[in-house]
Amino acid sequence: MTTITLQQCRNLMGRRNYFNVSKPYSLKLKPCYTTHYHHSSIQMRADEEDDPVKQMKEMTAARKRWESLIREEKVKVLTPKEAGYAIQLSNKTLLDVRPSTEHKKACVKSSTWIPIFDVDNRFDAGNVSKKITNFMMGGWWSGVPILSYDNQFISKVEEKFSKDTDLIVACQKGLRSLAACEQLYNAGYRNLFWVQGGLEAAEEEDLEREGPESFKFAGIGGVSEFLGWTDQQRAAGAKEGWGYRLVFSARLVGLFLFADALFIGAQQAGHYLQDLRLKEDDDAEMDKWRDLEGANSK
């Protein structure tokens, strides 16, 4: 499995909360066909290892491919509300391709979960280094983990669904699900529906939800989520009013108090250690004088 870093996620997703069909995001995905015509894999490279010009060309190529899928109606577009109707009235299957961190927070009832990218939990030397770098470069704030593409994604889908199955493909923002649609189409699936804007664009009444969070909050994390400083939480705060905002204001005050307590505690610990060293020095000096007096008395 190959990793996708925090910087890649930032470059690809930016600060938007939706996927624009007229100008879709691009992910550096290359279909690489094997001897079996209906299978494909994805090759990915870390941003820091790519030539910027080559990276831009790959992103542009991906954008054109995805625009073509939508324009030629090889993949049909649904809003979250339309997806909810299709699931209820037409018994279509929703394929959730989000990573486990998002799926655990909120998922569509009776959906099938097969992530195209998932959290990379390997602990080899190289991956630990990437995790540390990811954390230092903003992972602590955003909560975005290192993700890896699952090379078995297509085979896992094929185990569950035949090629003529109506599949509604969804992720959190709409990026990974469109990448999944491209791979599924290349693998022979022809009845594909893409949820525009992802589950984050869904209102609570659009889809039947399972999990502790709303769909809008499933993709956030880290310190920014704890303090309520994400775009999703600010939008919710504007609707909910002061009561909602006070919760996060209290958390911010608590964080400052905690930091202040740590600072004061560190100062007190420093004074205590300094006093302890001085006492030890005094005791050593007293022992020295006692030994000297004992020697003189003899």
C-alpha atoms as a PDB file:
ATOM      1  CA  MET A   1       0.000   0.000   0.000  1.00  0.00           C
ATOM      2  CA  THR A   2       1.243   3.499  -0.824  1.00  0.00           C
ATOM      3  CA  THR A   3       0.660   6.427   1.459  1.00  0.00           C
ATOM      4  CA  ILE A   4      -1.034   9.732   0.802  1.00  0.00           C
ATOM      5  CA  THR A   5       0.267  12.476   3.065  1.00  0.00           C
ATOM      6  CA  LEU A   6      -1.427  15.356   4.836  1.00  0.00           C
ATOM      7  CA  GLN A   7       0.047  17.782   2.323  1.00  0.00           C
ATOM      8  CA  GLN A   8      -1.576  15.817  -0.504  1.00  0.00           C
ATOM      9  CA  CYS A   9      -4.944  16.019   1.211  1.00  0.00           C
ATOM     10  CA  ARG A  10      -4.515  19.762   1.599  1.00  0.00           C
ATOM     11  CA  ASN A  11      -3.508  20.234  -2.018  1.00  0.00           C
ATOM     12  CA  LEU A  12      -6.406  18.152  -3.283  1.00  0.00           C
ATOM     13  CA  MET A  13      -9.227  19.265  -1.040  1.00  0.00           C
ATOM     14  CA  GLY A  14      -8.276  22.826  -0.247  1.00  0.00           C
ATOM     15  CA  ARG A  15     -10.722  24.566   2.076  1.00  0.00           C
ATOM     16  CA  ARG A  16     -13.932  23.762   0.196  1.00  0.00           C
ATOM     17  CA  ASN A  17     -16.758  21.670   1.556  1.00  0.00           C
ATOM     18  CA  TYR A  18     -18.147  20.471  -1.754  1.00  0.00           C
ATOM     19  CA  PHE A  19     -17.144  19.085  -5.120  1.00  0.00           C
ATOM     20  CA  ASN A  20     -17.855  21.309  -8.102  1.00  0.00           C
ATOM     21  CA  VAL A  21     -18.742  19.339 -11.233  1.00  0.00           C
ATOM     22  CA  SER A  22     -17.760  22.146 -13.563  1.00  0.00           C
ATOM     23  CA  LYS A  23     -14.321  22.365 -11.984  1.00  0.00           C
ATOM     24  CA  PRO A  24     -13.662  19.141 -10.092  1.00  0.00           C
ATOM     25  CA  TYR A  25     -10.707  18.453  -7.886  1.00  0.00           C
ATOM     26  CA  SER A  26      -8.034  16.154  -9.200  1.00  0.00           C
ATOM     27  CA  LEU A  27      -6.334  13.314  -7.418  1.00  0.00           C
ATOM     28  CA  LYS A  28      -3.128  11.846  -8.778  1.00  0.00           C
ATOM     29  CA  LEU A  29      -4.592   8.517  -9.774  1.00  0.00           C
ATOM     30  CA  LYS A  30      -3.304   6.507 -12.683  1.00  0.00           C
ATOM     31  CA  PRO A  31      -5.302   3.528 -13.924  1.00  0.00           C
ATOM     32  CA  CYS A  32      -2.782   0.790 -14.573  1.00  0.00           C
ATOM     33  CA  TYR A  33      -4.376  -2.144 -16.346  1.00  0.00           C
ATOM     34  CA  THR A  34      -3.212  -5.713 -15.779  1.00  0.00           C
ATOM     35  CA  THR A  35      -3.533  -8.743 -18.035  1.00  0.00           C
ATOM     36  CA  HIS A  36      -7.173  -9.001 -16.952  1.00  0.00           C
ATOM     37  CA  TYR A  37      -8.958  -6.201 -18.780  1.00  0.00           C
ATOM     38  CA  HIS A  38     -11.525  -5.588 -16.066  1.00  0.00           C
ATOM     39  CA  HIS A  39      -9.062  -4.948 -13.247  1.00  0.00           C
ATOM     40  CA  SER A  40      -7.169  -1.733 -12.511  1.00  0.00           C
ATOM     41  CA  SER A  41      -4.883  -0.397  -9.833  1.00  0.00           C
ATOM     42  CA  ILE A  42      -3.875   3.043  -8.682  1.00  0.00           C
ATOM     43  CA  GLN A  43      -0.332   4.343  -8.580  1.00  0.00           C
ATOM     44  CA  MET A  44       0.337   7.227  -6.231  1.00  0.00           C
ATOM     45  CA  ARG A  45       3.482   9.168  -5.356  1.00  0.00           C
ATOM     46  CA  ALA A  46       4.134  11.521  -2.470  1.00  0.00           C
ATOM     47  CA  ASP A  47       4.136  15.218  -3.355  1.00  0.00           C
ATOM     48  CA  GLU A  48       7.668  15.717  -2.174  1.00  0.00           C
ATOM     49  CA  GLU A  49       8.915  12.994  -4.520  1.00  0.00           C
ATOM     50  CA  ASP A  50       7.192  14.377  -7.620  1.00  0.00           C
ATOM     51  CA  ASP A  51       8.326  16.950 -10.086  1.00  0.00           C
ATOM     52  CA  PRO A  52       5.864  19.890  -9.716  1.00  0.00           C
ATOM     53  CA  VAL A  53       5.311  20.147 -13.467  1.00  0.00           C
ATOM     54  CA  LYS A  54       4.632  16.419 -13.736  1.00  0.00           C
ATOM     55  CA  GLN A  55       2.321  16.586 -10.741  1.00  0.00           C
ATOM     56  CA  MET A  56       0.307  19.390 -12.330  1.00  0.00           C
ATOM     57  CA  LYS A  57       0.015  17.443 -15.581  1.00  0.00           C
ATOM     58  CA  GLU A  58      -1.236  14.373 -13.726  1.00  0.00           C
ATOM     59  CA  MET A  59      -3.793  16.418 -11.815  1.00  0.00           C
ATOM     60  CA  THR A  60      -4.997  18.072 -15.004  1.00  0.00           C
ATOM     61  CA  ALA A  61      -5.303  14.684 -16.701  1.00  0.00           C
ATOM     62  CA  ALA A  62      -7.312  13.305 -13.775  1.00  0.00           C
ATOM     63  CA  ARG A  63      -9.622  16.323 -13.848  1.00  0.00           C
ATOM     64  CA  LYS A  64     -10.284  15.831 -17.554  1.00  0.00           C
ATOM     65  CA  ARG A  65     -11.009  12.137 -17.086  1.00  0.00           C
ATOM     66  CA  TRP A  66     -13.472  12.821 -14.316  1.00  0.00           C
ATOM     67  CA  GLU A  67     -15.182  15.652 -16.206  1.00  0.00           C
ATOM     68  CA  SER A  68     -15.567  13.248 -19.108  1.00  0.00           C
ATOM     69  CA  LEU A  69     -17.170  10.615 -16.894  1.00  0.00           C
ATOM     70  CA  ILE A  70     -19.780  13.135 -15.757  1.00  0.00           C
ATOM     71  CA  ARG A  71     -20.261  14.850 -19.128  1.00  0.00           C
ATOM     72  CA  GLU A  72     -20.745  11.558 -21.006  1.00  0.00           C
ATOM     73  CA  GLU A  73     -23.038  10.300 -18.208  1.00  0.00           C
ATOM     74  CA  LYS A  74     -20.930   7.234 -17.641  1.00  0.00           C
ATOM     75  CA  VAL A  75     -21.397   8.209 -14.019  1.00  0.00           C
ATOM     76  CA  LYS A  76     -24.698   9.809 -13.044  1.00  0.00           C
ATOM     77  CA  VAL A  77     -24.804  12.637 -10.520  1.00  0.00           C
ATOM     78  CA  LEU A  78     -27.069  12.605  -7.461  1.00  0.00           C
ATOM     79  CA  THR A  79     -27.500  15.081  -4.662  1.00  0.00           C
ATOM     80  CA  PRO A  80     -27.529  13.579  -1.148  1.00  0.00           C
ATOM     81  CA  LYS A  81     -31.317  14.031  -1.045  1.00  0.00           C
ATOM     82  CA  GLU A  82     -31.731  12.257  -4.397  1.00  0.00           C
ATOM     83  CA  ALA A  83     -29.449   9.479  -3.158  1.00  0.00           C
ATOM     84  CA  GLY A  84     -31.697   9.050  -0.123  1.00  0.00           C
ATOM     85  CA  TYR A  85     -34.768   8.745  -2.344  1.00  0.00           C
ATOM     86  CA  ALA A  86     -32.998   6.251  -4.624  1.00  0.00           C
ATOM     87  CA  ILE A  87     -32.031   4.075  -1.661  1.00  0.00           C
ATOM     88  CA  GLN A  88     -35.528   4.120  -0.173  1.00  0.00           C
ATOM     89  CA  LEU A  89     -37.618   3.852  -3.329  1.00  0.00           C
ATOM     90  CA  SER A  90     -35.396   1.941  -5.755  1.00  0.00           C
ATOM     91  CA  ASN A  91     -33.415  -0.213  -3.317  1.00  0.00           C
ATOM     92  CA  LYS A  92     -30.146   0.964  -4.802  1.00  0.00           C
ATOM     93  CA  THR A  93     -26.973   0.165  -2.853  1.00  0.00           C
ATOM     94  CA  LEU A  94     -24.851   2.906  -1.332  1.00  0.00           C
ATOM     95  CA  LEU A  95     -21.148   2.092  -1.448  1.00  0.00           C
ATOM     96  CA  ASP A  96     -19.281   4.044   1.233  1.00  0.00           C
ATOM     97  CA  VAL A  97     -15.609   4.425   0.250  1.00  0.00           C
ATOM     98  CA  ARG A  98     -14.506   6.642   3.181  1.00  0.00           C
ATOM     99  CA  PRO A  99     -11.716   5.687   5.597  1.00  0.00           C
ATOM    100  CA  SER A 100     -12.572   4.053   8.915  1.00  0.00           C
ATOM    101  CA  THR A 101     -12.108   7.277  10.916  1.00  0.00           C
ATOM    102  CA  GLU A 102     -15.016   8.893   9.064  1.00  0.00           C
ATOM    103  CA  HIS A 103     -17.161   5.771   8.746  1.00  0.00           C
ATOM    104  CA  LYS A 104     -17.110   5.164  12.524  1.00  0.00           C
ATOM    105  CA  LYS A 105     -18.496   8.621  13.233  1.00  0.00           C
ATOM    106  CA  ALA A 106     -21.424   8.463  10.826  1.00  0.00           C
ATOM    107  CA  CYS A 107     -22.601   6.128   8.099  1.00  0.00           C
ATOM    108  CA  VAL A 108     -25.726   5.539   6.047  1.00  0.00           C
ATOM    109  CA  LYS A 109     -27.886   2.759   7.411  1.00  0.00           C
ATOM    110  CA  SER A 110     -27.670  -0.481   5.384  1.00  0.00           C
ATOM    111  CA  SER A 111     -24.816   0.907   3.265  1.00  0.00           C
ATOM    112  CA  THR A 112     -21.807  -1.205   2.268  1.00  0.00           C
ATOM    113  CA  TRP A 113     -18.430   0.023   3.455  1.00  0.00           C
ATOM    114  CA  ILE A 114     -15.385  -0.678   1.273  1.00  0.00           C
ATOM    115  CA  PRO A 115     -12.796   2.110   1.678  1.00  0.00           C
ATOM    116  CA  ILE A 116     -10.710   3.068  -1.326  1.00  0.00           C
ATOM    117  CA  PHE A 117      -8.282   4.760   1.086  1.00  0.00           C
ATOM    118  CA  ASP A 118      -7.918   3.839   4.735  1.00  0.00           C
ATOM    119  CA  VAL A 119      -5.771   4.805   7.694  1.00  0.00           C
ATOM    120  CA  ASP A 120      -2.239   3.446   7.372  1.00  0.00           C
ATOM    121  CA  ASN A 121      -1.546   1.745  10.722  1.00  0.00           C
ATOM    122  CA  ARG A 122       1.801   0.211   9.814  1.00  0.00           C
ATOM    123  CA  PHE A 123       4.612   0.902  12.272  1.00  0.00           C
ATOM    124  CA  ASP A 124       7.713   0.347  10.181  1.00  0.00           C
ATOM    125  CA  ALA A 125      10.471   2.951  10.410  1.00  0.00           C
ATOM    126  CA  GLY A 126       9.492   4.795   7.238  1.00  0.00           C
ATOM    127  CA  ASN A 127       5.816   5.010   8.130  1.00  0.00           C
ATOM    128  CA  VAL A 128       6.481   6.162  11.693  1.00  0.00           C
ATOM    129  CA  SER A 129       8.596   8.966  10.246  1.00  0.00           C
ATOM    130  CA  LYS A 130       5.720   9.966   7.955  1.00  0.00           C
ATOM    131  CA  LYS A 131       3.282   9.926  10.869  1.00  0.00           C
ATOM    132  CA  ILE A 132       5.544  12.216  12.886  1.00  0.00           C
ATOM    133  CA  THR A 133       5.966  14.571   9.930  1.00  0.00           C
ATOM    134  CA  ASN A 134       2.217  14.552   9.296  1.00  0.00           C
ATOM    135  CA  PHE A 135       1.544  15.398  12.947  1.00  0.00           C
ATOM    136  CA  MET A 136       4.113  18.209  13.034  1.00  0.00           C
ATOM    137  CA  MET A 137       2.858  19.723   9.764  1.00  0.00           C
ATOM    138  CA  GLY A 138      -0.701  20.142  10.988  1.00  0.00           C
ATOM    139  CA  GLY A 139      -2.109  16.712  11.755  1.00  0.00           C
ATOM    140  CA  TRP A 140      -2.416  17.702  15.417  1.00  0.00           C
ATOM    141  CA  TRP A 141      -4.699  20.559  14.352  1.00  0.00           C
ATOM    142  CA  SER A 142      -6.794  18.961  11.591  1.00  0.00           C
ATOM    143  CA  GLY A 143      -6.776  15.357  12.779  1.00  0.00           C
ATOM    144  CA  VAL A 144      -6.140  14.163   9.213  1.00  0.00           C
ATOM    145  CA  PRO A 145      -4.279  10.829   9.318  1.00  0.00           C
ATOM    146  CA  ILE A 146      -1.984   9.270   6.727  1.00  0.00           C
ATOM    147  CA  LEU A 147      -4.098   7.271   4.277  1.00  0.00           C
ATOM    148  CA  SER A 148      -3.158   4.384   2.008  1.00  0.00           C
ATOM    149  CA  TYR A 149      -4.828   3.191  -1.163  1.00  0.00           C
ATOM    150  CA  ASP A 150      -6.216  -0.322  -0.934  1.00  0.00           C
ATOM    151  CA  ASN A 151      -4.950  -2.301  -3.922  1.00  0.00           C
ATOM    152  CA  GLN A 152      -7.723  -4.822  -3.284  1.00  0.00           C
ATOM    153  CA  PHE A 153     -10.513  -2.243  -3.563  1.00  0.00           C
ATOM    154  CA  ILE A 154     -11.881  -3.445  -6.896  1.00  0.00           C
ATOM    155  CA  SER A 155     -11.647  -7.130  -5.992  1.00  0.00           C
ATOM    156  CA  LYS A 156     -13.495  -6.482  -2.718  1.00  0.00           C
ATOM    157  CA  VAL A 157     -16.295  -4.725  -4.591  1.00  0.00           C
ATOM    158  CA  GLU A 158     -16.458  -7.555  -7.121  1.00  0.00           C
ATOM    159  CA  GLU A 159     -16.851 -10.073  -4.298  1.00  0.00           C
ATOM    160  CA  LYS A 160     -20.028  -8.328  -3.150  1.00  0.00           C
ATOM    161  CA  PHE A 161     -21.589  -6.856  -6.284  1.00  0.00           C
ATOM    162  CA  SER A 162     -22.052  -8.023  -9.853  1.00  0.00           C
ATOM    163  CA  LYS A 163     -21.203  -5.668 -12.716  1.00  0.00           C
ATOM    164  CA  ASP A 164     -24.861  -4.844 -13.395  1.00  0.00           C
ATOM    165  CA  THR A 165     -25.554  -3.653  -9.824  1.00  0.00           C
ATOM    166  CA  ASP A 166     -26.769  -0.097  -9.331  1.00  0.00           C
ATOM    167  CA  LEU A 167     -24.109   1.448  -7.086  1.00  0.00           C
ATOM    168  CA  ILE A 168     -24.384   4.839  -5.416  1.00  0.00           C
ATOM    169  CA  VAL A 169     -20.803   5.740  -4.523  1.00  0.00           C
ATOM    170  CA  ALA A 170     -20.186   8.230  -1.719  1.00  0.00           C
ATOM    171  CA  CYS A 171     -17.358   9.610   0.412  1.00  0.00           C
ATOM    172  CA  GLN A 172     -17.135  12.590   2.763  1.00  0.00           C
ATOM    173  CA  LYS A 173     -16.575  15.447   0.282  1.00  0.00           C
ATOM    174  CA  GLY A 174     -16.977  13.804  -3.128  1.00  0.00           C
ATOM    175  CA  LEU A 175     -13.330  13.505  -4.178  1.00  0.00           C
ATOM    176  CA  ARG A 176     -12.471   9.914  -3.304  1.00  0.00           C
ATOM    177  CA  SER A 177     -15.860   8.642  -4.424  1.00  0.00           C
ATOM    178  CA  LEU A 178     -15.340  10.055  -7.914  1.00  0.00           C
ATOM    179  CA  ALA A 179     -11.906   8.451  -8.010  1.00  0.00           C
ATOM    180  CA  ALA A 180     -13.614   5.205  -6.990  1.00  0.00           C
ATOM    181  CA  CYS A 181     -16.210   5.650  -9.752  1.00  0.00           C
ATOM    182  CA  GLU A 182     -13.434   5.907 -12.324  1.00  0.00           C
ATOM    183  CA  GLN A 183     -11.854   2.704 -11.072  1.00  0.00           C
ATOM    184  CA  LEU A 184     -15.196   0.902 -10.970  1.00  0.00           C
ATOM    185  CA  TYR A 185     -16.081   2.025 -14.478  1.00  0.00           C
ATOM    186  CA  ASN A 186     -12.726   0.811 -15.760  1.00  0.00           C
ATOM    187  CA  ALA A 187     -13.451  -2.508 -14.047  1.00  0.00           C
ATOM    188  CA  GLY A 188     -16.724  -2.944 -15.969  1.00  0.00           C
ATOM    189  CA  TYR A 189     -19.385  -1.402 -13.731  1.00  0.00           C
ATOM    190  CA  ARG A 190     -21.865   0.594 -15.792  1.00  0.00           C
ATOM    191  CA  ASN A 191     -24.639   1.595 -13.360  1.00  0.00           C
ATOM    192  CA  LEU A 192     -22.730   4.085 -11.241  1.00  0.00           C
ATOM    193  CA  PHE A 193     -24.126   7.060  -9.349  1.00  0.00           C
ATOM    194  CA  TRP A 194     -21.928   9.661  -7.668  1.00  0.00           C
ATOM    195  CA  VAL A 195     -23.077  11.668  -4.641  1.00  0.00           C
ATOM    196  CA  GLN A 196     -22.128  15.262  -5.423  1.00  0.00           C
ATOM    197  CA  GLY A 197     -20.526  17.036  -2.482  1.00  0.00           C
ATOM    198  CA  GLY A 198     -20.304  13.795  -0.520  1.00  0.00           C
ATOM    199  CA  LEU A 199     -22.065  12.935   2.710  1.00  0.00           C
ATOM    200  CA  GLU A 200     -20.870  16.207   4.203  1.00  0.00           C
ATOM    201  CA  ALA A 201     -23.383  17.988   1.953  1.00  0.00           C
ATOM    202  CA  ALA A 202     -26.270  15.900   3.315  1.00  0.00           C
ATOM    203  CA  GLU A 203     -28.865  17.241   5.728  1.00  0.00           C
ATOM    204  CA  GLU A 204     -29.971  14.951   8.522  1.00  0.00           C
ATOM    205  CA  GLU A 205     -33.298  14.248   6.825  1.00  0.00           C
ATOM    206  CA  ASP A 206     -31.690  13.277   3.506  1.00  0.00           C
ATOM    207  CA  LEU A 207     -30.236   9.933   4.568  1.00  0.00           C
ATOM    208  CA  GLU A 208     -30.892   7.526   7.439  1.00  0.00           C
ATOM    209  CA  ARG A 209     -27.829   7.803   9.637  1.00  0.00           C
ATOM    210  CA  GLU A 210     -26.070   5.501  12.073  1.00  0.00           C
ATOM    211  CA  GLY A 211     -23.249   6.637  14.355  1.00  0.00           C
ATOM    212  CA  PRO A 212     -22.615   9.265  17.037  1.00  0.00           C
ATOM    213  CA  GLU A 213     -21.931  12.273  14.759  1.00  0.00           C
ATOM    214  CA  SER A 214     -23.817  14.022  12.004  1.00  0.00           C
ATOM    215  CA  PHE A 215     -22.593  13.475   8.450  1.00  0.00           C
ATOM    216  CA  LYS A 216     -21.241  17.039   8.340  1.00  0.00           C
ATOM    217  CA  PHE A 217     -18.896  16.400  11.271  1.00  0.00           C
ATOM    218  CA  ALA A 218     -17.592  12.967  10.284  1.00  0.00           C
ATOM    219  CA  GLY A 219     -14.611  14.376   8.390  1.00  0.00           C
ATOM    220  CA  ILE A 220     -13.251  16.751  11.025  1.00  0.00           C
ATOM    221  CA  GLY A 221     -10.920  16.069  13.928  1.00  0.00           C
ATOM    222  CA  GLY A 222      -7.908  17.181  15.917  1.00  0.00           C
ATOM    223  CA  VAL A 223      -7.639  20.296  18.036  1.00  0.00           C
ATOM    224  CA  SER A 224      -9.673  22.312  15.511  1.00  0.00           C
ATOM    225  CA  GLU A 225     -12.675  20.045  16.117  1.00  0.00           C
ATOM    226  CA  PHE A 226     -12.226  20.204  19.907  1.00  0.00           C
ATOM    227  CA  LEU A 227     -12.266  24.003  19.822  1.00  0.00           C
ATOM    228  CA  GLY A 228     -15.090  24.223  17.266  1.00  0.00           C
ATOM    229  CA  TRP A 229     -12.963  26.125  14.741  1.00  0.00           C
ATOM    230  CA  THR A 230     -13.836  24.098  11.629  1.00  0.00           C
ATOM    231  CA  ASP A 231     -16.024  25.509   8.869  1.00  0.00           C
ATOM    232  CA  GLN A 232     -18.650  22.866   9.573  1.00  0.00           C
ATOM    233  CA  GLN A 233     -18.878  23.755  13.251  1.00  0.00           C
ATOM    234  CA  ARG A 234     -18.996  27.480  12.566  1.00  0.00           C
ATOM    235  CA  ALA A 235     -21.885  26.912  10.162  1.00  0.00           C
ATOM    236  CA  ALA A 236     -23.682  24.832  12.790  1.00  0.00           C
ATOM    237  CA  GLY A 237     -23.000  27.519  15.398  1.00  0.00           C
ATOM    238  CA  ALA A 238     -24.633  30.134  13.180  1.00  0.00           C
ATOM    239  CA  LYS A 239     -27.799  28.017  13.130  1.00  0.00           C
ATOM    240  CA  GLU A 240     -27.798  26.788  16.716  1.00  0.00           C
ATOM    241  CA  GLY A 241     -27.064  30.135  18.369  1.00  0.00           C
ATOM    242  CA  TRP A 242     -25.074  31.093  21.445  1.00  0.00           C
ATOM    243  CA  GLY A 243     -25.715  27.905  23.375  1.00  0.00           C
ATOM    244  CA  TYR A 244     -23.748  25.898  20.839  1.00  0.00           C
ATOM    245  CA  ARG A 245     -20.910  28.431  20.740  1.00  0.00           C
ATOM    246  CA  LEU A 246     -20.629  28.623  24.519  1.00  0.00           C
ATOM    247  CA  VAL A 247     -19.634  24.960  24.669  1.00  0.00           C
ATOM    248  CA  PHE A 248     -16.561  25.596  22.541  1.00  0.00           C
ATOM    249  CA  SER A 249     -15.854  28.909  24.252  1.00  0.00           C
ATOM    250  CA  ALA A 250     -15.762  27.007  27.539  1.00  0.00           C
ATOM    251  CA  ARG A 251     -13.368  24.486  25.989  1.00  0.00           C
ATOM    252  CA  LEU A 252     -11.086  27.292  24.823  1.00  0.00           C
ATOM    253  CA  VAL A 253     -11.074  28.862  28.291  1.00  0.00           C
ATOM    254  CA  GLY A 254     -10.421  25.429  29.784  1.00  0.00           C
ATOM    255  CA  LEU A 255      -7.513  24.920  27.402  1.00  0.00           C
ATOM    256  CA  PHE A 256      -5.960  28.234  28.433  1.00  0.00           C
ATOM    257  CA  LEU A 257      -6.435  27.407  32.105  1.00  0.00           C
ATOM    258  CA  PHE A 258      -4.874  23.987  31.568  1.00  0.00           C
ATOM    259  CA  ALA A 259      -1.894  25.518  29.744  1.00  0.00           C
ATOM    260  CA  ASP A 260      -1.546  28.123  32.491  1.00  0.00           C
ATOM    261  CA  ALA A 261      -1.677  25.415  35.156  1.00  0.00           C
ATOM    262  CA  LEU A 262       1.031  23.468  33.328  1.00  0.00           C
ATOM    263  CA  PHE A 263       3.201  26.584  33.140  1.00  0.00           C
ATOM    264  CA  ILE A 264       2.761  27.361  36.837  1.00  0.00           C
ATOM    265  CA  GLY A 265       3.318  23.702  37.709  1.00  0.00           C
ATOM    266  CA  ALA A 266       6.530  23.664  35.673  1.00  0.00           C
ATOM    267  CA  GLN A 267       7.719  26.803  37.450  1.00  0.00           C
ATOM    268  CA  GLN A 268       6.929  25.341  40.877  1.00  0.00           C
ATOM    269  CA  ALA A 269       8.657  22.091  39.952  1.00  0.00           C
ATOM    270  CA  GLY A 270      11.694  24.083  38.852  1.00  0.00           C
ATOM    271  CA  HIS A 271      11.789  25.983  42.146  1.00  0.00           C
ATOM    272  CA  TYR A 272      11.364  22.752  44.095  1.00  0.00           C
ATOM    273  CA  LEU A 273      14.232  21.063  42.234  1.00  0.00           C
ATOM    274  CA  GLN A 274      16.413  24.114  42.732  1.00  0.00           C
ATOM    275  CA  ASP A 275      15.668  24.148  46.486  1.00  0.00           C
ATOM    276  CA  LEU A 276      16.339  20.421  46.622  1.00  0.00           C
ATOM    277  CA  ARG A 277      19.736  20.879  44.962  1.00  0.00           C
ATOM    278  CA  LEU A 278      20.597  23.714  47.362  1.00  0.00           C
ATOM    279  CA  LYS A 279      19.616  21.563  50.336  1.00  0.00           C
ATOM    280  CA  GLU A 280      21.735  18.714  49.042  1.00  0.00           C
ATOM    281  CA  ASP A 281      24.670  21.102  48.614  1.00  0.00           C
ATOM    282  CA  ASP A 282      24.167  22.417  52.166  1.00  0.00           C
ATOM    283  CA  ASP A 283      23.989  18.885  53.549  1.00  0.00           C
ATOM    284  CA  ALA A 284      27.150  17.942  51.695  1.00  0.00           C
ATOM    285  CA  GLU A 285      28.913  21.038  53.067  1.00  0.00           C
ATOM    286  CA  MET A 286      27.779  20.224  56.610  1.00  0.00           C
ATOM    287  CA  ASP A 287      29.031  16.646  56.278  1.00  0.00           C
ATOM    288  CA  LYS A 288      32.336  17.993  55.050  1.00  0.00           C
ATOM    289  CA  TRP A 289      32.686  20.285  58.098  1.00  0.00           C
ATOM    290  CA  ARG A 290      31.716  17.488  60.481  1.00  0.00           C
ATOM    291  CA  ASP A 291      34.355  15.216  58.986  1.00  0.00           C
ATOM    292  CA  LEU A 292      36.890  18.024  59.259  1.00  0.00           C
ATOM    293  CA  GLU A 293      36.020  18.749  62.901  1.00  0.00           C
ATOM    294  CA  GLY A 294      36.185  15.036  63.708  1.00  0.00           C
ATOM    295  CA  ALA A 295      39.633  14.816  62.178  1.00  0.00           C
ATOM    296  CA  ASN A 296      40.840  17.882  64.136  1.00  0.00           C
ATOM    297  CA  SER A 297      39.536  16.573  67.468  1.00  0.00           C
ATOM    298  CA  LYS A 298      41.606  13.431  67.042  1.00  0.00           C
END
